[in-house]
């Protein structure tokens, strides 16, 4: 497993949800004009190389975090397994350690869609370092270096990755709340 595998799987989950909401039977296309589920489409949406996307999907299929769709042949996240791995194992495999104060994009419970769910004790917010970010806070290394750019194109992916960081960073109460919210989003689709 590599950390970008989680980013790719959560992006696939987000694409499924966007496709489900479109409901028109029309395929959803990425900004580059590529089919978003293609390796090339995922590369343009996530900023992860085609080689890494391909290797990530193979690792996810081998680990049971993804399953192949019988009709389309594409890899889909195995949502229950993915949820269980994120909630119970991710913080041990890919721990998050707050770094120095820098400019960036809010993550964990400082992310816009999660703000107000948890009252913090006045400490600095957690952010992904990003030169064009407008917020200052304690830096958290994202699961993959292109995450700050990728989340600006996809609010669902942003919420998923912010919840993942809340689980990676949080104490029992915070991680539990984030896990519950992740369950509502990931398993009820």
N, C-alpha and C. Protein backbone atom coordinates (compact mmCIF):
# COMPACT_ATOMS: atom_id res chain seq x y z
N UNK A 1 0.85 -1.20 0.00
CA UNK A 1 0.00 0.00 0.00
C UNK A 1 0.88 1.24 0.00
N UNK A 2 0.43 2.24 -0.72
CA UNK A 2 1.04 3.55 -0.70
C UNK A 2 -0.07 4.54 -0.38
N UNK A 3 0.33 5.68 0.17
CA UNK A 3 -0.68 6.66 0.60
C UNK A 3 -1.55 7.15 -0.56
N UNK A 4 -1.00 7.25 -1.76
CA UNK A 4 -1.81 7.73 -2.88
C UNK A 4 -2.91 6.75 -3.25
N UNK A 5 -2.80 5.50 -2.82
CA UNK A 5 -3.86 4.52 -3.09
C UNK A 5 -5.18 4.98 -2.47
N UNK A 6 -5.11 5.54 -1.29
CA UNK A 6 -6.32 6.04 -0.61
C UNK A 6 -6.89 7.22 -1.39
N UNK A 7 -6.03 8.11 -1.88
CA UNK A 7 -6.48 9.26 -2.67
C UNK A 7 -7.20 8.77 -3.94
N UNK A 8 -6.61 7.81 -4.63
CA UNK A 8 -7.21 7.27 -5.86
C UNK A 8 -8.56 6.62 -5.55
N UNK A 9 -8.63 5.81 -4.50
CA UNK A 9 -9.88 5.13 -4.15
C UNK A 9 -10.98 6.13 -3.77
N UNK A 10 -10.62 7.16 -3.02
CA UNK A 10 -11.62 8.16 -2.63
C UNK A 10 -12.06 8.98 -3.84
N UNK A 11 -11.17 9.20 -4.79
CA UNK A 11 -11.55 9.89 -6.02
C UNK A 11 -12.52 9.02 -6.82
N UNK A 12 -12.27 7.72 -6.89
CA UNK A 12 -13.19 6.82 -7.58
C UNK A 12 -14.56 6.83 -6.91
N UNK A 13 -14.58 6.86 -5.58
CA UNK A 13 -15.86 6.94 -4.85
C UNK A 13 -16.58 8.24 -5.19
N UNK A 14 -15.84 9.33 -5.23
CA UNK A 14 -16.41 10.63 -5.57
C UNK A 14 -16.98 10.62 -7.00
N UNK A 15 -16.24 10.04 -7.93
CA UNK A 15 -16.71 9.96 -9.31
C UNK A 15 -18.00 9.15 -9.40
N UNK A 16 -18.08 8.04 -8.67
CA UNK A 16 -19.30 7.23 -8.66
C UNK A 16 -20.48 8.07 -8.18
N UNK A 17 -20.27 8.85 -7.14
CA UNK A 17 -21.35 9.67 -6.59
C UNK A 17 -21.76 10.75 -7.57
N UNK A 18 -20.80 11.37 -8.25
CA UNK A 18 -21.12 12.39 -9.24
C UNK A 18 -21.87 11.78 -10.42
N UNK A 19 -21.47 10.60 -10.82
CA UNK A 19 -22.13 9.89 -11.91
C UNK A 19 -23.56 9.54 -11.51
N UNK A 20 -23.73 9.10 -10.26
CA UNK A 20 -25.06 8.76 -9.75
C UNK A 20 -25.98 9.95 -9.67
N UNK A 21 -25.42 11.12 -9.36
CA UNK A 21 -26.24 12.33 -9.28
C UNK A 21 -26.61 12.85 -10.65
N UNK A 22 -25.71 12.67 -11.63
CA UNK A 22 -26.01 13.13 -12.98
C UNK A 22 -27.24 12.41 -13.49
N UNK A 23 -27.26 11.07 -13.33
CA UNK A 23 -28.45 10.27 -13.59
C UNK A 23 -29.00 10.33 -15.00
N UNK A 24 -28.39 11.08 -15.88
CA UNK A 24 -28.94 11.24 -17.22
C UNK A 24 -28.49 10.14 -18.17
N UNK A 25 -27.63 9.26 -17.68
CA UNK A 25 -27.10 8.23 -18.55
C UNK A 25 -25.90 8.72 -19.36
N UNK A 26 -25.68 10.01 -19.34
CA UNK A 26 -24.53 10.59 -20.03
C UNK A 26 -23.29 10.34 -19.19
N UNK A 27 -22.16 9.96 -19.81
CA UNK A 27 -20.94 9.77 -19.03
C UNK A 27 -20.40 11.09 -18.53
N UNK A 28 -19.84 11.07 -17.37
CA UNK A 28 -19.21 12.24 -16.77
C UNK A 28 -17.80 12.34 -17.33
N UNK A 29 -17.39 13.52 -17.79
CA UNK A 29 -16.06 13.68 -18.39
C UNK A 29 -15.22 14.61 -17.56
N UNK A 30 -13.92 14.36 -17.54
CA UNK A 30 -12.99 15.21 -16.79
C UNK A 30 -12.72 16.48 -17.57
N UNK A 31 -12.07 17.43 -16.92
CA UNK A 31 -11.78 18.72 -17.55
C UNK A 31 -10.91 18.57 -18.78
N UNK A 32 -10.09 17.55 -18.85
CA UNK A 32 -9.19 17.35 -19.98
C UNK A 32 -9.90 16.69 -21.16
N UNK A 33 -11.17 16.33 -21.01
CA UNK A 33 -11.90 15.66 -22.07
C UNK A 33 -11.75 14.15 -22.02
N UNK A 34 -11.00 13.65 -21.06
CA UNK A 34 -10.80 12.20 -20.89
C UNK A 34 -11.92 11.63 -20.03
N UNK A 35 -12.23 10.37 -20.27
CA UNK A 35 -13.16 9.69 -19.39
C UNK A 35 -12.52 9.65 -17.99
N UNK A 36 -13.22 10.10 -16.96
CA UNK A 36 -12.58 10.24 -15.65
C UNK A 36 -12.10 8.94 -15.04
N UNK A 37 -12.72 7.82 -15.40
CA UNK A 37 -12.30 6.54 -14.83
C UNK A 37 -11.06 5.99 -15.52
N UNK A 38 -10.71 6.56 -16.66
CA UNK A 38 -9.52 6.08 -17.36
C UNK A 38 -8.28 6.51 -16.58
N UNK A 39 -7.19 5.81 -16.80
CA UNK A 39 -5.94 6.16 -16.13
C UNK A 39 -5.55 7.59 -16.48
N UNK A 40 -5.73 7.95 -17.74
CA UNK A 40 -5.39 9.31 -18.19
C UNK A 40 -6.32 10.36 -17.54
N UNK A 41 -7.60 10.02 -17.42
CA UNK A 41 -8.55 10.93 -16.77
C UNK A 41 -8.22 11.13 -15.29
N UNK A 42 -7.90 10.04 -14.61
CA UNK A 42 -7.52 10.14 -13.19
C UNK A 42 -6.23 10.93 -13.04
N UNK A 43 -5.30 10.76 -13.97
CA UNK A 43 -4.05 11.53 -13.93
C UNK A 43 -4.35 13.03 -13.98
N UNK A 44 -5.24 13.45 -14.87
CA UNK A 44 -5.54 14.87 -15.00
C UNK A 44 -6.32 15.40 -13.79
N UNK A 45 -7.15 14.57 -13.20
CA UNK A 45 -7.96 15.00 -12.05
C UNK A 45 -7.17 15.03 -10.75
N UNK A 46 -6.18 14.13 -10.62
CA UNK A 46 -5.47 13.98 -9.35
C UNK A 46 -4.03 14.47 -9.36
N UNK A 47 -3.43 14.64 -10.52
CA UNK A 47 -2.03 15.04 -10.57
C UNK A 47 -1.09 13.91 -10.15
N UNK A 48 -1.54 12.68 -10.34
CA UNK A 48 -0.73 11.49 -10.07
C UNK A 48 -0.45 10.85 -11.42
N UNK A 49 0.78 10.45 -11.67
CA UNK A 49 1.16 9.91 -12.98
C UNK A 49 0.34 8.68 -13.35
N UNK A 50 0.22 8.45 -14.66
CA UNK A 50 -0.52 7.28 -15.15
C UNK A 50 0.07 5.98 -14.61
N UNK A 51 1.39 5.92 -14.54
CA UNK A 51 2.06 4.72 -14.03
C UNK A 51 1.67 4.47 -12.58
N UNK A 52 1.67 5.53 -11.77
CA UNK A 52 1.30 5.40 -10.35
C UNK A 52 -0.19 5.07 -10.19
N UNK A 53 -1.05 5.66 -11.02
CA UNK A 53 -2.49 5.35 -10.96
C UNK A 53 -2.69 3.86 -11.24
N UNK A 54 -2.06 3.38 -12.30
CA UNK A 54 -2.18 1.98 -12.69
C UNK A 54 -1.68 1.05 -11.57
N UNK A 55 -0.52 1.36 -11.02
CA UNK A 55 0.04 0.54 -9.92
C UNK A 55 -0.86 0.61 -8.69
N UNK A 56 -1.42 1.79 -8.42
CA UNK A 56 -2.31 1.98 -7.27
C UNK A 56 -3.56 1.11 -7.40
N UNK A 57 -4.14 1.10 -8.58
CA UNK A 57 -5.35 0.30 -8.80
C UNK A 57 -5.03 -1.19 -8.64
N UNK A 58 -3.90 -1.62 -9.15
CA UNK A 58 -3.49 -3.03 -8.99
C UNK A 58 -3.31 -3.39 -7.51
N UNK A 59 -2.65 -2.51 -6.75
CA UNK A 59 -2.47 -2.77 -5.30
C UNK A 59 -3.82 -2.81 -4.59
N UNK A 60 -4.72 -1.90 -4.94
CA UNK A 60 -6.03 -1.85 -4.29
C UNK A 60 -6.86 -3.09 -4.60
N UNK A 61 -6.79 -3.57 -5.83
CA UNK A 61 -7.50 -4.80 -6.19
C UNK A 61 -6.92 -5.99 -5.43
N UNK A 62 -5.59 -6.05 -5.35
CA UNK A 62 -4.92 -7.16 -4.65
C UNK A 62 -5.22 -7.17 -3.15
N UNK A 63 -5.38 -5.99 -2.56
CA UNK A 63 -5.61 -5.90 -1.11
C UNK A 63 -7.08 -6.02 -0.73
N UNK A 64 -7.98 -5.98 -1.71
CA UNK A 64 -9.41 -6.06 -1.41
C UNK A 64 -10.04 -4.70 -1.12
N UNK A 65 -9.29 -3.63 -1.31
CA UNK A 65 -9.86 -2.29 -1.12
C UNK A 65 -10.61 -1.83 -2.37
N UNK A 66 -10.44 -2.55 -3.47
CA UNK A 66 -11.17 -2.28 -4.70
C UNK A 66 -11.61 -3.61 -5.29
N UNK A 67 -12.67 -3.54 -6.07
CA UNK A 67 -13.18 -4.72 -6.77
C UNK A 67 -13.45 -4.32 -8.22
N UNK A 68 -13.32 -5.29 -9.12
CA UNK A 68 -13.57 -5.03 -10.53
C UNK A 68 -15.05 -5.14 -10.82
N UNK A 69 -15.60 -4.14 -11.49
CA UNK A 69 -16.99 -4.16 -11.91
C UNK A 69 -17.15 -5.18 -13.03
N UNK A 70 -18.11 -6.07 -12.90
CA UNK A 70 -18.31 -7.13 -13.91
C UNK A 70 -18.74 -6.57 -15.26
N UNK A 71 -19.54 -5.51 -15.23
CA UNK A 71 -20.07 -4.95 -16.47
C UNK A 71 -19.05 -4.07 -17.20
N UNK A 72 -18.42 -3.15 -16.47
CA UNK A 72 -17.53 -2.18 -17.10
C UNK A 72 -16.07 -2.61 -17.09
N UNK A 73 -15.71 -3.50 -16.15
CA UNK A 73 -14.32 -3.93 -16.04
C UNK A 73 -13.44 -2.95 -15.29
N UNK A 74 -14.01 -1.83 -14.86
CA UNK A 74 -13.19 -0.85 -14.13
C UNK A 74 -13.17 -1.16 -12.64
N UNK A 75 -12.13 -0.67 -12.00
CA UNK A 75 -11.98 -0.87 -10.55
C UNK A 75 -12.89 0.11 -9.81
N UNK A 76 -13.59 -0.40 -8.83
CA UNK A 76 -14.42 0.43 -7.96
C UNK A 76 -13.97 0.20 -6.52
N UNK A 77 -14.06 1.23 -5.70
CA UNK A 77 -13.70 1.02 -4.30
C UNK A 77 -14.65 0.03 -3.63
N UNK A 78 -14.10 -0.85 -2.83
CA UNK A 78 -14.93 -1.73 -1.99
C UNK A 78 -15.18 -0.89 -0.74
N UNK A 79 -16.30 -0.19 -0.73
CA UNK A 79 -16.55 0.87 0.25
C UNK A 79 -16.45 0.41 1.71
N UNK A 80 -16.98 -0.75 2.02
CA UNK A 80 -16.93 -1.22 3.42
C UNK A 80 -15.48 -1.49 3.83
N UNK A 81 -14.72 -2.18 2.99
CA UNK A 81 -13.32 -2.46 3.31
C UNK A 81 -12.51 -1.17 3.40
N UNK A 82 -12.75 -0.25 2.47
CA UNK A 82 -12.04 1.02 2.49
C UNK A 82 -12.35 1.79 3.77
N UNK A 83 -13.61 1.85 4.13
CA UNK A 83 -14.02 2.53 5.37
C UNK A 83 -13.33 1.90 6.58
N UNK A 84 -13.37 0.58 6.67
CA UNK A 84 -12.76 -0.09 7.81
C UNK A 84 -11.26 0.17 7.88
N UNK A 85 -10.59 0.15 6.74
CA UNK A 85 -9.16 0.42 6.72
C UNK A 85 -8.86 1.85 7.17
N UNK A 86 -9.62 2.81 6.65
CA UNK A 86 -9.38 4.21 7.01
C UNK A 86 -9.62 4.42 8.51
N UNK A 87 -10.73 3.91 9.01
CA UNK A 87 -11.10 4.14 10.42
C UNK A 87 -10.18 3.40 11.39
N UNK A 88 -9.82 2.17 11.05
CA UNK A 88 -9.10 1.34 12.02
C UNK A 88 -7.60 1.18 11.78
N UNK A 89 -7.13 1.46 10.58
CA UNK A 89 -5.72 1.19 10.32
C UNK A 89 -4.89 2.32 9.76
N UNK A 90 -5.53 3.27 9.10
CA UNK A 90 -4.79 4.29 8.36
C UNK A 90 -3.85 5.11 9.23
N UNK A 91 -4.29 5.48 10.42
CA UNK A 91 -3.45 6.33 11.27
C UNK A 91 -2.17 5.61 11.73
N UNK A 92 -2.17 4.28 11.66
CA UNK A 92 -0.97 3.53 12.03
C UNK A 92 -0.04 3.32 10.84
N UNK A 93 -0.63 3.22 9.65
CA UNK A 93 0.16 3.00 8.44
C UNK A 93 0.69 4.32 7.89
N UNK A 94 -0.14 5.36 7.91
CA UNK A 94 0.23 6.68 7.41
C UNK A 94 -0.08 7.74 8.48
N UNK A 95 0.69 7.77 9.56
CA UNK A 95 0.40 8.73 10.64
C UNK A 95 0.63 10.16 10.17
N UNK A 96 -0.09 11.07 10.80
CA UNK A 96 0.05 12.50 10.49
C UNK A 96 0.65 13.19 11.70
N UNK A 97 1.70 13.92 11.47
CA UNK A 97 2.35 14.69 12.53
C UNK A 97 2.29 16.16 12.17
N UNK A 98 1.66 16.98 13.02
CA UNK A 98 1.61 18.41 12.72
C UNK A 98 3.01 19.01 12.65
N UNK A 99 3.21 19.86 11.65
CA UNK A 99 4.50 20.52 11.45
C UNK A 99 4.42 21.99 11.81
N UNK A 100 5.24 22.77 11.14
CA UNK A 100 5.32 24.20 11.42
C UNK A 100 4.13 24.98 10.87
N UNK A 101 4.10 26.25 11.21
CA UNK A 101 3.04 27.15 10.76
C UNK A 101 3.37 27.58 9.33
N UNK A 102 2.37 27.46 8.46
CA UNK A 102 2.55 27.83 7.06
C UNK A 102 1.20 28.19 6.44
N UNK A 103 1.24 28.61 5.20
CA UNK A 103 0.03 28.97 4.46
C UNK A 103 -0.45 27.75 3.68
N UNK A 104 -1.78 27.59 3.57
CA UNK A 104 -2.28 26.45 2.83
C UNK A 104 -3.78 26.34 2.82
N UNK A 105 -4.26 25.12 2.64
CA UNK A 105 -5.68 24.80 2.54
C UNK A 105 -6.10 24.04 3.80
N UNK A 106 -7.17 24.50 4.48
CA UNK A 106 -7.61 23.83 5.71
C UNK A 106 -7.98 22.37 5.50
N UNK A 107 -7.61 21.54 6.48
CA UNK A 107 -7.96 20.12 6.45
C UNK A 107 -8.49 19.71 7.82
N UNK A 108 -8.86 18.46 7.95
CA UNK A 108 -9.45 17.91 9.18
C UNK A 108 -10.68 18.76 9.53
N UNK A 109 -10.88 19.07 10.79
CA UNK A 109 -12.09 19.80 11.19
C UNK A 109 -12.03 21.29 10.88
N UNK A 110 -10.94 21.77 10.27
CA UNK A 110 -10.86 23.16 9.83
C UNK A 110 -11.37 23.31 8.40
N UNK A 111 -11.55 22.20 7.67
CA UNK A 111 -12.06 22.26 6.30
C UNK A 111 -13.46 22.86 6.30
N UNK A 112 -13.79 23.65 5.28
CA UNK A 112 -15.08 24.36 5.28
C UNK A 112 -16.30 23.49 5.54
N UNK A 113 -16.34 22.29 4.94
CA UNK A 113 -17.53 21.44 5.08
C UNK A 113 -17.61 20.77 6.45
N UNK A 114 -16.53 20.81 7.24
CA UNK A 114 -16.53 20.18 8.57
C UNK A 114 -16.46 21.20 9.70
N UNK A 115 -16.26 22.47 9.34
CA UNK A 115 -16.14 23.52 10.35
C UNK A 115 -17.39 23.56 11.21
N UNK A 116 -17.21 23.70 12.48
CA UNK A 116 -18.34 23.79 13.39
C UNK A 116 -18.80 22.45 13.94
N UNK A 117 -18.30 21.34 13.39
CA UNK A 117 -18.67 20.03 13.92
C UNK A 117 -17.99 19.76 15.25
N UNK A 118 -16.85 20.39 15.45
CA UNK A 118 -16.07 20.15 16.64
C UNK A 118 -15.45 21.48 17.07
N UNK A 119 -15.64 21.84 18.33
CA UNK A 119 -15.06 23.08 18.83
C UNK A 119 -13.64 22.78 19.29
N UNK A 120 -12.68 23.51 18.70
CA UNK A 120 -11.29 23.25 19.06
C UNK A 120 -10.89 24.07 20.27
N UNK A 121 -9.83 23.67 20.90
CA UNK A 121 -9.35 24.32 22.11
C UNK A 121 -8.49 25.55 21.84
N UNK A 122 -8.68 26.20 20.68
CA UNK A 122 -7.94 27.42 20.40
C UNK A 122 -6.58 27.20 19.77
N UNK A 123 -6.24 25.95 19.47
CA UNK A 123 -4.96 25.70 18.83
C UNK A 123 -5.05 26.10 17.36
N UNK A 124 -3.93 26.08 16.69
CA UNK A 124 -3.91 26.40 15.27
C UNK A 124 -4.72 25.39 14.48
N UNK A 125 -5.29 25.85 13.36
CA UNK A 125 -5.98 24.91 12.48
C UNK A 125 -4.94 24.08 11.74
N UNK A 126 -5.36 22.96 11.20
CA UNK A 126 -4.48 22.11 10.41
C UNK A 126 -4.68 22.43 8.93
N UNK A 127 -3.58 22.54 8.21
CA UNK A 127 -3.65 22.86 6.79
C UNK A 127 -2.69 21.98 5.99
N UNK A 128 -3.03 21.81 4.72
CA UNK A 128 -2.08 21.21 3.78
C UNK A 128 -1.27 22.35 3.21
N UNK A 129 0.04 22.31 3.26
CA UNK A 129 0.84 23.40 2.71
C UNK A 129 0.53 23.61 1.22
N UNK A 130 0.27 24.88 0.87
CA UNK A 130 -0.05 25.23 -0.51
C UNK A 130 0.21 26.72 -0.67
N UNK A 131 1.11 27.07 -1.56
CA UNK A 131 1.54 28.46 -1.72
C UNK A 131 0.40 29.42 -2.01
N UNK A 132 -0.63 28.95 -2.72
CA UNK A 132 -1.75 29.82 -3.08
C UNK A 132 -2.88 29.79 -2.04
N UNK A 133 -2.68 29.08 -0.93
CA UNK A 133 -3.69 29.01 0.12
C UNK A 133 -3.85 30.34 0.83
N UNK A 134 -5.04 30.55 1.38
CA UNK A 134 -5.33 31.82 2.05
C UNK A 134 -5.29 31.72 3.57
N UNK A 135 -5.20 30.49 4.10
CA UNK A 135 -5.24 30.29 5.54
C UNK A 135 -3.86 29.97 6.09
N UNK A 136 -3.66 30.34 7.36
CA UNK A 136 -2.42 30.01 8.06
C UNK A 136 -2.76 28.96 9.11
N UNK A 137 -1.86 28.01 9.28
CA UNK A 137 -2.09 26.99 10.29
C UNK A 137 -0.92 26.05 10.37
N UNK A 138 -1.12 25.01 11.17
CA UNK A 138 -0.10 24.00 11.38
C UNK A 138 -0.13 23.03 10.20
N UNK A 139 1.02 22.83 9.59
CA UNK A 139 1.06 22.01 8.37
C UNK A 139 0.88 20.53 8.69
N UNK A 140 0.17 19.87 7.79
CA UNK A 140 -0.03 18.42 7.80
C UNK A 140 0.34 17.94 6.41
N UNK A 141 1.22 16.98 6.35
CA UNK A 141 1.60 16.42 5.05
C UNK A 141 0.40 15.66 4.48
N UNK A 142 -0.08 16.04 3.28
CA UNK A 142 -1.22 15.31 2.70
C UNK A 142 -0.80 13.89 2.30
N UNK A 143 -1.78 13.05 2.04
CA UNK A 143 -1.49 11.67 1.64
C UNK A 143 -0.70 11.62 0.34
N UNK A 144 -0.85 12.62 -0.51
CA UNK A 144 -0.06 12.72 -1.73
C UNK A 144 0.15 14.20 -2.02
N UNK A 145 1.28 14.54 -2.60
CA UNK A 145 1.67 15.94 -2.78
C UNK A 145 0.70 16.76 -3.62
N UNK A 146 -0.06 16.12 -4.52
CA UNK A 146 -0.98 16.88 -5.38
C UNK A 146 -2.36 17.08 -4.77
N UNK A 147 -2.58 16.62 -3.54
CA UNK A 147 -3.90 16.74 -2.90
C UNK A 147 -4.41 18.17 -2.86
N UNK A 148 -3.60 19.18 -2.48
CA UNK A 148 -4.15 20.55 -2.44
C UNK A 148 -4.74 21.02 -3.78
N UNK A 149 -4.13 20.64 -4.89
CA UNK A 149 -4.66 21.01 -6.20
C UNK A 149 -5.89 20.18 -6.53
N UNK A 150 -5.85 18.89 -6.25
CA UNK A 150 -6.94 17.97 -6.62
C UNK A 150 -8.24 18.32 -5.90
N UNK A 151 -8.16 18.71 -4.63
CA UNK A 151 -9.39 18.98 -3.87
C UNK A 151 -10.08 20.26 -4.32
N UNK A 152 -9.36 21.12 -5.00
CA UNK A 152 -9.98 22.35 -5.49
C UNK A 152 -10.90 22.08 -6.68
N UNK A 153 -10.77 20.90 -7.28
CA UNK A 153 -11.62 20.51 -8.41
C UNK A 153 -12.78 19.62 -7.98
N UNK A 154 -12.80 19.18 -6.71
CA UNK A 154 -13.77 18.17 -6.30
C UNK A 154 -14.07 18.31 -4.80
N UNK A 155 -15.22 18.89 -4.48
CA UNK A 155 -15.61 19.09 -3.08
C UNK A 155 -15.80 17.79 -2.31
N UNK A 156 -16.32 16.76 -2.99
CA UNK A 156 -16.50 15.46 -2.31
C UNK A 156 -15.15 14.87 -1.91
N UNK A 157 -14.20 14.92 -2.83
CA UNK A 157 -12.87 14.42 -2.53
C UNK A 157 -12.26 15.22 -1.38
N UNK A 158 -12.46 16.53 -1.38
CA UNK A 158 -11.96 17.39 -0.31
C UNK A 158 -12.54 16.94 1.03
N UNK A 159 -13.84 16.71 1.08
CA UNK A 159 -14.45 16.28 2.34
C UNK A 159 -13.91 14.93 2.78
N UNK A 160 -13.81 13.99 1.85
CA UNK A 160 -13.26 12.67 2.19
C UNK A 160 -11.85 12.78 2.77
N UNK A 161 -10.99 13.54 2.09
CA UNK A 161 -9.59 13.64 2.55
C UNK A 161 -9.46 14.43 3.84
N UNK A 162 -10.34 15.41 4.05
CA UNK A 162 -10.34 16.14 5.32
C UNK A 162 -10.76 15.21 6.46
N UNK A 163 -11.76 14.36 6.21
CA UNK A 163 -12.18 13.38 7.22
C UNK A 163 -11.06 12.38 7.51
N UNK A 164 -10.37 11.96 6.47
CA UNK A 164 -9.24 11.04 6.65
C UNK A 164 -8.19 11.70 7.55
N UNK A 165 -7.90 12.98 7.31
CA UNK A 165 -6.92 13.67 8.16
C UNK A 165 -7.43 13.83 9.59
N UNK A 166 -8.72 14.04 9.76
CA UNK A 166 -9.28 14.14 11.11
C UNK A 166 -9.10 12.82 11.85
N UNK A 167 -9.22 11.71 11.13
CA UNK A 167 -9.00 10.39 11.73
C UNK A 167 -7.52 10.19 12.03
N UNK A 168 -6.65 10.58 11.10
CA UNK A 168 -5.20 10.42 11.28
C UNK A 168 -4.67 11.27 12.43
N UNK A 169 -5.28 12.44 12.64
CA UNK A 169 -4.78 13.40 13.64
C UNK A 169 -5.48 13.33 14.98
N UNK A 170 -6.75 12.96 14.95
CA UNK A 170 -7.60 13.16 16.11
C UNK A 170 -7.39 12.20 17.25
N UNK A 171 -7.79 12.68 18.42
CA UNK A 171 -7.86 11.78 19.57
C UNK A 171 -9.09 10.90 19.38
N UNK A 172 -9.42 10.10 20.35
CA UNK A 172 -10.50 9.12 20.20
C UNK A 172 -11.82 9.79 19.83
N UNK A 173 -12.17 10.88 20.50
CA UNK A 173 -13.45 11.55 20.24
C UNK A 173 -13.49 12.13 18.83
N UNK A 174 -12.42 12.85 18.44
CA UNK A 174 -12.38 13.47 17.12
C UNK A 174 -12.37 12.41 16.02
N UNK A 175 -11.55 11.38 16.19
CA UNK A 175 -11.47 10.31 15.20
C UNK A 175 -12.81 9.58 15.10
N UNK A 176 -13.49 9.40 16.22
CA UNK A 176 -14.79 8.74 16.21
C UNK A 176 -15.83 9.55 15.46
N UNK A 177 -15.84 10.85 15.69
CA UNK A 177 -16.78 11.72 14.98
C UNK A 177 -16.49 11.73 13.48
N UNK A 178 -15.21 11.81 13.13
CA UNK A 178 -14.82 11.79 11.71
C UNK A 178 -15.17 10.45 11.08
N UNK A 179 -14.95 9.35 11.81
CA UNK A 179 -15.29 8.02 11.31
C UNK A 179 -16.78 7.86 11.07
N UNK A 180 -17.58 8.43 11.97
CA UNK A 180 -19.04 8.37 11.83
C UNK A 180 -19.47 9.17 10.59
N UNK A 181 -18.91 10.33 10.42
CA UNK A 181 -19.24 11.17 9.24
C UNK A 181 -18.78 10.48 7.95
N UNK A 182 -17.61 9.86 7.98
CA UNK A 182 -17.11 9.14 6.81
C UNK A 182 -18.04 7.97 6.47
N UNK A 183 -18.52 7.28 7.50
CA UNK A 183 -19.45 6.18 7.31
C UNK A 183 -20.73 6.67 6.62
N UNK A 184 -21.25 7.81 7.08
CA UNK A 184 -22.47 8.38 6.48
C UNK A 184 -22.26 8.70 5.01
N UNK A 185 -21.08 9.22 4.67
CA UNK A 185 -20.79 9.63 3.30
C UNK A 185 -20.42 8.45 2.40
N UNK A 186 -19.57 7.57 2.89
CA UNK A 186 -19.00 6.53 2.05
C UNK A 186 -19.89 5.30 1.94
N UNK A 187 -20.57 4.93 3.03
CA UNK A 187 -21.33 3.68 3.03
C UNK A 187 -22.79 3.84 2.63
N UNK A 188 -23.30 5.05 2.64
CA UNK A 188 -24.71 5.27 2.35
C UNK A 188 -24.92 5.79 0.93
N UNK A 189 -24.07 5.35 0.02
CA UNK A 189 -24.19 5.82 -1.37
C UNK A 189 -24.63 4.70 -2.26
